[in-house]
Amino acid sequence: MGKPLIDYYKEVLSKISFADQAVFRKEMRKAFRRLIPEEREALKHWFRTSCVCKMEEQASPGEIPARG
């Protein structure tokens, strides 16, 4: 049996998180359509703890990252 779908999407999203924001959003939406509710919550948690932190690190010096 292959790897769980959530692990697949985490891998894909982590690879494209800096490449293209539009593609990242498209893949995130696709993941949400295909995952069950518990996996969606796990993916949200993963996104908030890993991807958001990476985006803040790329902020320009002196720029305050936006929090939402």
N, C-alpha and C. Protein backbone atom coordinates (compact mmCIF):
# COMPACT_ATOMS: atom_id res chain seq x y z
N MET A 1 0.84 -1.19 0.00
CA MET A 1 0.00 0.00 0.00
C MET A 1 0.88 1.25 0.00
N GLY A 2 0.46 2.29 -0.70
CA GLY A 2 1.23 3.52 -0.80
C GLY A 2 1.13 4.36 0.46
N LYS A 3 1.78 5.49 0.41
CA LYS A 3 1.76 6.38 1.57
C LYS A 3 0.40 7.05 1.69
N PRO A 4 0.02 7.44 2.90
CA PRO A 4 -1.27 8.12 3.09
C PRO A 4 -1.33 9.41 2.27
N LEU A 5 -2.53 9.74 1.83
CA LEU A 5 -2.73 10.91 0.97
C LEU A 5 -2.27 12.20 1.64
N ILE A 6 -2.48 12.32 2.94
CA ILE A 6 -2.05 13.54 3.63
C ILE A 6 -0.53 13.70 3.57
N ASP A 7 0.19 12.61 3.70
CA ASP A 7 1.65 12.68 3.62
C ASP A 7 2.09 13.09 2.22
N TYR A 8 1.39 12.58 1.22
CA TYR A 8 1.68 12.96 -0.16
C TYR A 8 1.51 14.47 -0.34
N TYR A 9 0.38 15.01 0.14
CA TYR A 9 0.13 16.44 -0.02
C TYR A 9 1.11 17.29 0.79
N LYS A 10 1.50 16.85 1.95
CA LYS A 10 2.50 17.58 2.73
C LYS A 10 3.81 17.67 1.95
N GLU A 11 4.19 16.56 1.33
CA GLU A 11 5.42 16.54 0.55
C GLU A 11 5.34 17.47 -0.65
N VAL A 12 4.23 17.40 -1.38
CA VAL A 12 4.05 18.25 -2.56
C VAL A 12 4.03 19.72 -2.16
N LEU A 13 3.24 20.05 -1.15
CA LEU A 13 3.11 21.44 -0.73
C LEU A 13 4.42 22.01 -0.20
N SER A 14 5.19 21.20 0.49
CA SER A 14 6.46 21.71 1.01
C SER A 14 7.44 21.99 -0.13
N LYS A 15 7.34 21.23 -1.21
CA LYS A 15 8.24 21.44 -2.35
C LYS A 15 7.88 22.68 -3.15
N ILE A 16 6.59 23.04 -3.20
CA ILE A 16 6.19 24.17 -4.03
C ILE A 16 5.86 25.42 -3.22
N SER A 17 6.06 25.39 -1.91
CA SER A 17 5.65 26.51 -1.07
C SER A 17 6.35 27.82 -1.43
N PHE A 18 7.57 27.76 -1.97
CA PHE A 18 8.27 28.99 -2.33
C PHE A 18 8.25 29.25 -3.83
N ALA A 19 7.88 28.26 -4.62
CA ALA A 19 7.97 28.38 -6.07
C ALA A 19 6.94 29.34 -6.63
N ASP A 20 5.69 29.09 -6.38
CA ASP A 20 4.63 29.89 -6.98
C ASP A 20 3.42 29.88 -6.06
N GLN A 21 3.04 31.03 -5.60
CA GLN A 21 1.94 31.14 -4.64
C GLN A 21 0.62 30.66 -5.23
N ALA A 22 0.37 30.93 -6.50
CA ALA A 22 -0.88 30.51 -7.14
C ALA A 22 -0.95 28.98 -7.23
N VAL A 23 0.15 28.35 -7.60
CA VAL A 23 0.18 26.89 -7.69
C VAL A 23 0.01 26.28 -6.31
N PHE A 24 0.64 26.89 -5.31
CA PHE A 24 0.51 26.40 -3.94
C PHE A 24 -0.95 26.42 -3.50
N ARG A 25 -1.64 27.53 -3.76
CA ARG A 25 -3.06 27.63 -3.38
C ARG A 25 -3.90 26.59 -4.11
N LYS A 26 -3.61 26.39 -5.39
CA LYS A 26 -4.35 25.41 -6.18
C LYS A 26 -4.17 24.01 -5.59
N GLU A 27 -2.94 23.65 -5.25
CA GLU A 27 -2.68 22.33 -4.67
C GLU A 27 -3.32 22.20 -3.29
N MET A 28 -3.32 23.27 -2.51
CA MET A 28 -3.94 23.24 -1.19
C MET A 28 -5.45 22.99 -1.33
N ARG A 29 -6.08 23.66 -2.27
CA ARG A 29 -7.52 23.45 -2.50
C ARG A 29 -7.80 22.02 -2.94
N LYS A 30 -6.95 21.50 -3.82
CA LYS A 30 -7.11 20.12 -4.28
C LYS A 30 -7.00 19.15 -3.10
N ALA A 31 -6.04 19.40 -2.24
CA ALA A 31 -5.87 18.54 -1.06
C ALA A 31 -7.12 18.57 -0.19
N PHE A 32 -7.67 19.75 0.03
CA PHE A 32 -8.84 19.88 0.89
C PHE A 32 -10.05 19.16 0.29
N ARG A 33 -10.15 19.13 -1.03
CA ARG A 33 -11.27 18.41 -1.66
C ARG A 33 -11.14 16.90 -1.50
N ARG A 34 -9.92 16.40 -1.46
CA ARG A 34 -9.69 14.96 -1.45
C ARG A 34 -9.52 14.35 -0.07
N LEU A 35 -9.22 15.17 0.93
CA LEU A 35 -8.97 14.65 2.27
C LEU A 35 -10.24 14.58 3.09
N ILE A 36 -10.25 13.68 4.07
CA ILE A 36 -11.37 13.61 5.01
C ILE A 36 -11.20 14.71 6.06
N PRO A 37 -12.28 15.07 6.76
CA PRO A 37 -12.20 16.21 7.71
C PRO A 37 -11.06 16.14 8.71
N GLU A 38 -10.76 14.97 9.26
CA GLU A 38 -9.67 14.87 10.24
C GLU A 38 -8.33 15.18 9.59
N GLU A 39 -8.16 14.71 8.35
CA GLU A 39 -6.91 14.98 7.64
C GLU A 39 -6.81 16.46 7.26
N ARG A 40 -7.93 17.08 6.96
CA ARG A 40 -7.93 18.52 6.66
C ARG A 40 -7.42 19.31 7.85
N GLU A 41 -7.91 18.96 9.05
CA GLU A 41 -7.45 19.65 10.26
C GLU A 41 -5.96 19.43 10.48
N ALA A 42 -5.50 18.21 10.23
CA ALA A 42 -4.07 17.91 10.38
C ALA A 42 -3.25 18.71 9.38
N LEU A 43 -3.75 18.85 8.16
CA LEU A 43 -3.05 19.63 7.13
C LEU A 43 -3.01 21.11 7.50
N LYS A 44 -4.11 21.63 8.04
CA LYS A 44 -4.13 23.03 8.50
C LYS A 44 -3.08 23.24 9.59
N HIS A 45 -3.03 22.31 10.53
CA HIS A 45 -2.05 22.43 11.62
C HIS A 45 -0.63 22.38 11.05
N TRP A 46 -0.37 21.47 10.15
CA TRP A 46 0.95 21.36 9.52
C TRP A 46 1.30 22.67 8.82
N PHE A 47 0.35 23.22 8.07
CA PHE A 47 0.58 24.46 7.34
C PHE A 47 0.93 25.60 8.29
N ARG A 48 0.17 25.71 9.34
CA ARG A 48 0.39 26.81 10.29
C ARG A 48 1.72 26.68 11.03
N THR A 49 2.17 25.47 11.28
CA THR A 49 3.40 25.29 12.04
C THR A 49 4.65 25.25 11.18
N SER A 50 4.52 24.93 9.90
CA SER A 50 5.73 24.83 9.08
C SER A 50 5.79 25.87 7.97
N CYS A 51 4.78 25.97 7.15
CA CYS A 51 4.83 26.87 6.00
C CYS A 51 4.81 28.34 6.40
N VAL A 52 3.95 28.70 7.32
CA VAL A 52 3.84 30.10 7.72
C VAL A 52 5.17 30.59 8.27
N CYS A 53 5.84 29.76 9.04
CA CYS A 53 7.13 30.15 9.61
C CYS A 53 8.15 30.41 8.51
N LYS A 54 8.16 29.60 7.48
CA LYS A 54 9.10 29.77 6.38
C LYS A 54 8.84 31.09 5.66
N MET A 55 7.57 31.46 5.49
CA MET A 55 7.24 32.70 4.80
C MET A 55 7.71 33.90 5.59
N GLU A 56 7.61 33.84 6.92
CA GLU A 56 8.06 34.95 7.75
C GLU A 56 9.56 35.13 7.67
N GLU A 57 10.31 34.03 7.54
CA GLU A 57 11.76 34.11 7.45
C GLU A 57 12.20 34.80 6.17
N GLN A 58 11.39 34.76 5.12
CA GLN A 58 11.73 35.36 3.85
C GLN A 58 11.38 36.84 3.78
N ALA A 59 10.75 37.38 4.81
CA ALA A 59 10.37 38.79 4.81
C ALA A 59 11.62 39.66 4.69
N SER A 60 11.47 40.79 4.04
CA SER A 60 12.58 41.72 3.87
C SER A 60 13.06 42.23 5.22
N PRO A 61 14.33 42.54 5.34
CA PRO A 61 14.83 43.09 6.60
C PRO A 61 14.08 44.37 6.96
N GLY A 62 13.66 44.47 8.19
CA GLY A 62 12.92 45.63 8.64
C GLY A 62 11.43 45.55 8.39
N GLU A 63 11.01 44.56 7.61
CA GLU A 63 9.58 44.39 7.31
C GLU A 63 8.97 43.54 8.39
N ILE A 64 7.81 43.95 8.87
CA ILE A 64 7.11 43.20 9.92
C ILE A 64 6.15 42.25 9.21
N PRO A 65 6.30 40.92 9.44
CA PRO A 65 5.42 39.98 8.79
C PRO A 65 3.98 40.15 9.28
N ALA A 66 3.04 40.03 8.37
CA ALA A 66 1.62 40.15 8.72
C ALA A 66 1.15 38.88 9.38
N ARG A 67 0.33 39.03 10.37
CA ARG A 67 -0.27 37.88 11.05
C ARG A 67 -1.77 37.96 10.80
N GLY A 68 -2.37 36.81 10.51
CA GLY A 68 -3.80 36.84 10.23
C GLY A 68 -4.60 35.88 10.97
